[in-house]
């Protein structure tokens, strides 16, 4: 099974992505963007960066 680290950028859409990846057979772990390190990410087969809240103009 593929393990995916999903980096949550404080937007609820992240859970839609996790559900979809789970349907595809991936094992997902969700971590907040300020709680994850590079060493954490290296332990996974892949990393998905979720979108953040708001629009690019308000970033």
PDB file of N, CA and C in Angstrom:
ATOM      1  N   UNK A   1       0.846  -1.174   0.000  1.00  0.00           N
ATOM      2  CA  UNK A   1       0.000   0.000   0.000  1.00  0.00           C
ATOM      3  C   UNK A   1       0.898   1.246   0.000  1.00  0.00           C
ATOM      4  N   UNK A   2       0.527   2.219  -0.776  1.00  0.00           N
ATOM      5  CA  UNK A   2       1.273   3.468  -0.873  1.00  0.00           C
ATOM      6  C   UNK A   2       0.948   4.366   0.317  1.00  0.00           C
ATOM      7  N   UNK A   3       1.985   4.917   0.929  1.00  0.00           N
ATOM      8  CA  UNK A   3       1.776   5.832   2.055  1.00  0.00           C
ATOM      9  C   UNK A   3       1.997   7.268   1.580  1.00  0.00           C
ATOM     10  N   UNK A   4       1.020   8.117   1.895  1.00  0.00           N
ATOM     11  CA  UNK A   4       1.051   9.507   1.462  1.00  0.00           C
ATOM     12  C   UNK A   4       0.961  10.417   2.679  1.00  0.00           C
ATOM     13  N   UNK A   5       1.879  11.365   2.765  1.00  0.00           N
ATOM     14  CA  UNK A   5       1.780  12.419   3.764  1.00  0.00           C
ATOM     15  C   UNK A   5       1.005  13.560   3.127  1.00  0.00           C
ATOM     16  N   UNK A   6      -0.116  13.916   3.720  1.00  0.00           N
ATOM     17  CA  UNK A   6      -0.933  15.024   3.226  1.00  0.00           C
ATOM     18  C   UNK A   6      -0.690  16.210   4.157  1.00  0.00           C
ATOM     19  N   UNK A   7      -0.124  17.269   3.598  1.00  0.00           N
ATOM     20  CA  UNK A   7       0.175  18.466   4.378  1.00  0.00           C
ATOM     21  C   UNK A   7      -1.042  19.383   4.338  1.00  0.00           C
ATOM     22  N   UNK A   8      -1.636  19.583   5.494  1.00  0.00           N
ATOM     23  CA  UNK A   8      -2.853  20.383   5.639  1.00  0.00           C
ATOM     24  C   UNK A   8      -2.476  21.850   5.812  1.00  0.00           C
ATOM     25  N   UNK A   9      -2.887  22.665   4.856  1.00  0.00           N
ATOM     26  CA  UNK A   9      -2.637  24.106   4.911  1.00  0.00           C
ATOM     27  C   UNK A   9      -3.846  24.855   5.458  1.00  0.00           C
ATOM     28  N   UNK A  10      -4.475  24.266   6.469  1.00  0.00           N
ATOM     29  CA  UNK A  10      -5.603  24.875   7.178  1.00  0.00           C
ATOM     30  C   UNK A  10      -6.782  25.179   6.257  1.00  0.00           C
ATOM     31  N   UNK A  11      -7.141  24.187   5.444  1.00  0.00           N
ATOM     32  CA  UNK A  11      -8.310  24.307   4.578  1.00  0.00           C
ATOM     33  C   UNK A  11      -9.064  22.983   4.634  1.00  0.00           C
ATOM     34  N   UNK A  12     -10.379  23.024   4.750  1.00  0.00           N
ATOM     35  CA  UNK A  12     -11.171  21.803   4.926  1.00  0.00           C
ATOM     36  C   UNK A  12     -11.173  20.905   3.692  1.00  0.00           C
ATOM     37  N   UNK A  13     -10.772  21.409   2.537  1.00  0.00           N
ATOM     38  CA  UNK A  13     -10.741  20.604   1.316  1.00  0.00           C
ATOM     39  C   UNK A  13      -9.774  19.428   1.440  1.00  0.00           C
ATOM     40  N   UNK A  14      -8.842  19.520   2.368  1.00  0.00           N
ATOM     41  CA  UNK A  14      -7.855  18.459   2.547  1.00  0.00           C
ATOM     42  C   UNK A  14      -8.532  17.112   2.795  1.00  0.00           C
ATOM     43  N   UNK A  15      -9.670  17.109   3.468  1.00  0.00           N
ATOM     44  CA  UNK A  15     -10.323  15.844   3.786  1.00  0.00           C
ATOM     45  C   UNK A  15     -10.991  15.223   2.561  1.00  0.00           C
ATOM     46  N   UNK A  16     -11.389  16.039   1.591  1.00  0.00           N
ATOM     47  CA  UNK A  16     -11.876  15.500   0.311  1.00  0.00           C
ATOM     48  C   UNK A  16     -10.740  14.775  -0.403  1.00  0.00           C
ATOM     49  N   UNK A  17      -9.555  15.362  -0.373  1.00  0.00           N
ATOM     50  CA  UNK A  17      -8.393  14.748  -1.019  1.00  0.00           C
ATOM     51  C   UNK A  17      -8.022  13.431  -0.346  1.00  0.00           C
ATOM     52  N   UNK A  18      -8.052  13.416   0.976  1.00  0.00           N
ATOM     53  CA  UNK A  18      -7.719  12.199   1.723  1.00  0.00           C
ATOM     54  C   UNK A  18      -8.718  11.093   1.418  1.00  0.00           C
ATOM     55  N   UNK A  19      -9.991  11.429   1.361  1.00  0.00           N
ATOM     56  CA  UNK A  19     -11.011  10.431   1.042  1.00  0.00           C
ATOM     57  C   UNK A  19     -10.784   9.858  -0.357  1.00  0.00           C
ATOM     58  N   UNK A  20     -10.498  10.708  -1.315  1.00  0.00           N
ATOM     59  CA  UNK A  20     -10.262  10.256  -2.687  1.00  0.00           C
ATOM     60  C   UNK A  20      -9.030   9.358  -2.764  1.00  0.00           C
ATOM     61  N   UNK A  21      -7.948   9.752  -2.120  1.00  0.00           N
ATOM     62  CA  UNK A  21      -6.743   8.927  -2.126  1.00  0.00           C
ATOM     63  C   UNK A  21      -6.995   7.581  -1.453  1.00  0.00           C
ATOM     64  N   UNK A  22      -7.791   7.571  -0.396  1.00  0.00           N
ATOM     65  CA  UNK A  22      -8.148   6.320   0.266  1.00  0.00           C
ATOM     66  C   UNK A  22      -8.924   5.395  -0.651  1.00  0.00           C
ATOM     67  N   UNK A  23      -9.818   5.961  -1.458  1.00  0.00           N
ATOM     68  CA  UNK A  23     -10.568   5.155  -2.423  1.00  0.00           C
ATOM     69  C   UNK A  23      -9.648   4.553  -3.476  1.00  0.00           C
ATOM     70  N   UNK A  24      -8.534   5.217  -3.726  1.00  0.00           N
ATOM     71  CA  UNK A  24      -7.558   4.705  -4.689  1.00  0.00           C
ATOM     72  C   UNK A  24      -6.590   3.708  -4.054  1.00  0.00           C
ATOM     73  N   UNK A  25      -6.721   3.490  -2.751  1.00  0.00           N
ATOM     74  CA  UNK A  25      -5.908   2.490  -2.072  1.00  0.00           C
ATOM     75  C   UNK A  25      -4.714   3.026  -1.306  1.00  0.00           C
ATOM     76  N   UNK A  26      -4.602   4.323  -1.163  1.00  0.00           N
ATOM     77  CA  UNK A  26      -3.467   4.904  -0.444  1.00  0.00           C
ATOM     78  C   UNK A  26      -3.764   4.993   1.050  1.00  0.00           C
ATOM     79  N   UNK A  27      -2.717   4.877   1.833  1.00  0.00           N
ATOM     80  CA  UNK A  27      -2.788   5.108   3.275  1.00  0.00           C
ATOM     81  C   UNK A  27      -2.306   6.532   3.518  1.00  0.00           C
ATOM     82  N   UNK A  28      -3.169   7.393   4.042  1.00  0.00           N
ATOM     83  CA  UNK A  28      -2.841   8.811   4.210  1.00  0.00           C
ATOM     84  C   UNK A  28      -2.702   9.190   5.672  1.00  0.00           C
ATOM     85  N   UNK A  29      -1.712  10.022   5.941  1.00  0.00           N
ATOM     86  CA  UNK A  29      -1.556  10.663   7.238  1.00  0.00           C
ATOM     87  C   UNK A  29      -1.624  12.164   6.995  1.00  0.00           C
ATOM     88  N   UNK A  30      -2.479  12.850   7.737  1.00  0.00           N
ATOM     89  CA  UNK A  30      -2.642  14.295   7.597  1.00  0.00           C
ATOM     90  C   UNK A  30      -1.881  14.982   8.720  1.00  0.00           C
ATOM     91  N   UNK A  31      -1.049  15.937   8.336  1.00  0.00           N
ATOM     92  CA  UNK A  31      -0.288  16.728   9.312  1.00  0.00           C
ATOM     93  C   UNK A  31      -0.414  18.199   8.953  1.00  0.00           C
ATOM     94  N   UNK A  32      -0.554  19.050   9.943  1.00  0.00           N
ATOM     95  CA  UNK A  32      -0.623  20.496   9.712  1.00  0.00           C
ATOM     96  C   UNK A  32       0.727  21.000   9.200  1.00  0.00           C
ATOM     97  N   UNK A  33       0.684  22.034   8.368  1.00  0.00           N
ATOM     98  CA  UNK A  33       1.904  22.512   7.722  1.00  0.00           C
ATOM     99  C   UNK A  33       2.961  23.013   8.704  1.00  0.00           C
ATOM    100  N   UNK A  34       2.561  23.433   9.880  1.00  0.00           N
ATOM    101  CA  UNK A  34       3.539  23.905  10.852  1.00  0.00           C
ATOM    102  C   UNK A  34       3.951  22.815  11.849  1.00  0.00           C
ATOM    103  N   UNK A  35       3.540  21.573  11.578  1.00  0.00           N
ATOM    104  CA  UNK A  35       3.870  20.456  12.467  1.00  0.00           C
ATOM    105  C   UNK A  35       4.625  19.347  11.751  1.00  0.00           C
ATOM    106  N   UNK A  36       5.053  19.587  10.515  1.00  0.00           N
ATOM    107  CA  UNK A  36       5.711  18.543   9.738  1.00  0.00           C
ATOM    108  C   UNK A  36       7.129  18.997   9.388  1.00  0.00           C
ATOM    109  N   UNK A  37       8.050  18.035   9.382  1.00  0.00           N
ATOM    110  CA  UNK A  37       9.441  18.327   9.031  1.00  0.00           C
ATOM    111  C   UNK A  37       9.820  17.566   7.768  1.00  0.00           C
ATOM    112  N   UNK A  38      10.944  17.936   7.202  1.00  0.00           N
ATOM    113  CA  UNK A  38      11.448  17.230   6.024  1.00  0.00           C
ATOM    114  C   UNK A  38      11.705  15.770   6.371  1.00  0.00           C
ATOM    115  N   UNK A  39      12.255  15.516   7.536  1.00  0.00           N
ATOM    116  CA  UNK A  39      12.508  14.134   7.948  1.00  0.00           C
ATOM    117  C   UNK A  39      11.211  13.334   8.024  1.00  0.00           C
ATOM    118  N   UNK A  40      10.130  13.965   8.487  1.00  0.00           N
ATOM    119  CA  UNK A  40       8.824  13.299   8.501  1.00  0.00           C
ATOM    120  C   UNK A  40       8.427  12.913   7.082  1.00  0.00           C
ATOM    121  N   UNK A  41       8.552  13.850   6.164  1.00  0.00           N
ATOM    122  CA  UNK A  41       8.120  13.640   4.781  1.00  0.00           C
ATOM    123  C   UNK A  41       8.910  12.531   4.099  1.00  0.00           C
ATOM    124  N   UNK A  42      10.174  12.392   4.435  1.00  0.00           N
ATOM    125  CA  UNK A  42      11.018  11.380   3.795  1.00  0.00           C
ATOM    126  C   UNK A  42      10.596   9.954   4.131  1.00  0.00           C
ATOM    127  N   UNK A  43       9.794   9.783   5.159  1.00  0.00           N
ATOM    128  CA  UNK A  43       9.347   8.447   5.563  1.00  0.00           C
ATOM    129  C   UNK A  43       8.190   7.932   4.708  1.00  0.00           C
ATOM    130  N   UNK A  44       7.654   8.760   3.804  1.00  0.00           N
ATOM    131  CA  UNK A  44       6.480   8.401   3.001  1.00  0.00           C
ATOM    132  C   UNK A  44       6.857   8.150   1.549  1.00  0.00           C
ATOM    133  N   UNK A  45       5.959   7.451   0.853  1.00  0.00           N
ATOM    134  CA  UNK A  45       6.138   7.226  -0.583  1.00  0.00           C
ATOM    135  C   UNK A  45       5.876   8.494  -1.385  1.00  0.00           C
ATOM    136  N   UNK A  46       5.017   9.370  -0.860  1.00  0.00           N
ATOM    137  CA  UNK A  46       4.688  10.609  -1.553  1.00  0.00           C
ATOM    138  C   UNK A  46       4.167  11.654  -0.594  1.00  0.00           C
ATOM    139  N   UNK A  47       4.167  12.896  -1.069  1.00  0.00           N
ATOM    140  CA  UNK A  47       3.682  14.022  -0.274  1.00  0.00           C
ATOM    141  C   UNK A  47       2.697  14.810  -1.121  1.00  0.00           C
ATOM    142  N   UNK A  48       1.551  15.149  -0.542  1.00  0.00           N
ATOM    143  CA  UNK A  48       0.550  15.980  -1.202  1.00  0.00           C
ATOM    144  C   UNK A  48       0.382  17.253  -0.384  1.00  0.00           C
ATOM    145  N   UNK A  49       0.564  18.396  -1.036  1.00  0.00           N
ATOM    146  CA  UNK A  49       0.344  19.683  -0.383  1.00  0.00           C
ATOM    147  C   UNK A  49      -1.071  20.130  -0.690  1.00  0.00           C
ATOM    148  N   UNK A  50      -1.865  20.307   0.339  1.00  0.00           N
ATOM    149  CA  UNK A  50      -3.252  20.723   0.131  1.00  0.00           C
ATOM    150  C   UNK A  50      -3.308  22.215  -0.171  1.00  0.00           C
ATOM    151  N   UNK A  51      -4.435  22.663  -0.744  1.00  0.00           N
ATOM    152  CA  UNK A  51      -4.593  24.106  -0.944  1.00  0.00           C
ATOM    153  C   UNK A  51      -4.792  24.790   0.404  1.00  0.00           C
ATOM    154  N   UNK A  52      -4.598  26.077   0.417  1.00  0.00           N
ATOM    155  CA  UNK A  52      -4.824  26.847   1.633  1.00  0.00           C
ATOM    156  C   UNK A  52      -6.140  27.592   1.550  1.00  0.00           C
ATOM    157  N   UNK A  53      -6.520  28.236   2.635  1.00  0.00           N
ATOM    158  CA  UNK A  53      -7.779  28.977   2.642  1.00  0.00           C
ATOM    159  C   UNK A  53      -7.674  30.262   1.827  1.00  0.00           C
ATOM    160  N   UNK A  54      -8.798  30.740   1.354  1.00  0.00           N
ATOM    161  CA  UNK A  54      -8.840  32.011   0.650  1.00  0.00           C
ATOM    162  C   UNK A  54      -8.424  31.901  -0.808  1.00  0.00           C
ATOM    163  N   UNK A  55      -8.063  33.035  -1.370  1.00  0.00           N
ATOM    164  CA  UNK A  55      -7.651  33.117  -2.773  1.00  0.00           C
ATOM    165  C   UNK A  55      -6.188  33.528  -2.848  1.00  0.00           C
ATOM    166  N   UNK A  56      -5.536  33.312  -3.981  1.00  0.00           N
ATOM    167  CA  UNK A  56      -4.132  33.737  -4.102  1.00  0.00           C
ATOM    168  C   UNK A  56      -3.939  35.234  -3.825  1.00  0.00           C
ATOM    169  N   UNK A  57      -4.932  36.031  -4.183  1.00  0.00           N
ATOM    170  CA  UNK A  57      -4.815  37.471  -3.965  1.00  0.00           C
ATOM    171  C   UNK A  57      -4.775  37.832  -2.481  1.00  0.00           C
ATOM    172  N   UNK A  58      -5.385  37.000  -1.648  1.00  0.00           N
ATOM    173  CA  UNK A  58      -5.426  37.305  -0.218  1.00  0.00           C
ATOM    174  C   UNK A  58      -4.311  36.619   0.564  1.00  0.00           C
ATOM    175  N   UNK A  59      -3.437  35.929  -0.116  1.00  0.00           N
ATOM    176  CA  UNK A  59      -2.348  35.201   0.558  1.00  0.00           C
ATOM    177  C   UNK A  59      -1.273  36.148   1.060  1.00  0.00           C
TER     178      UNK A  59
END
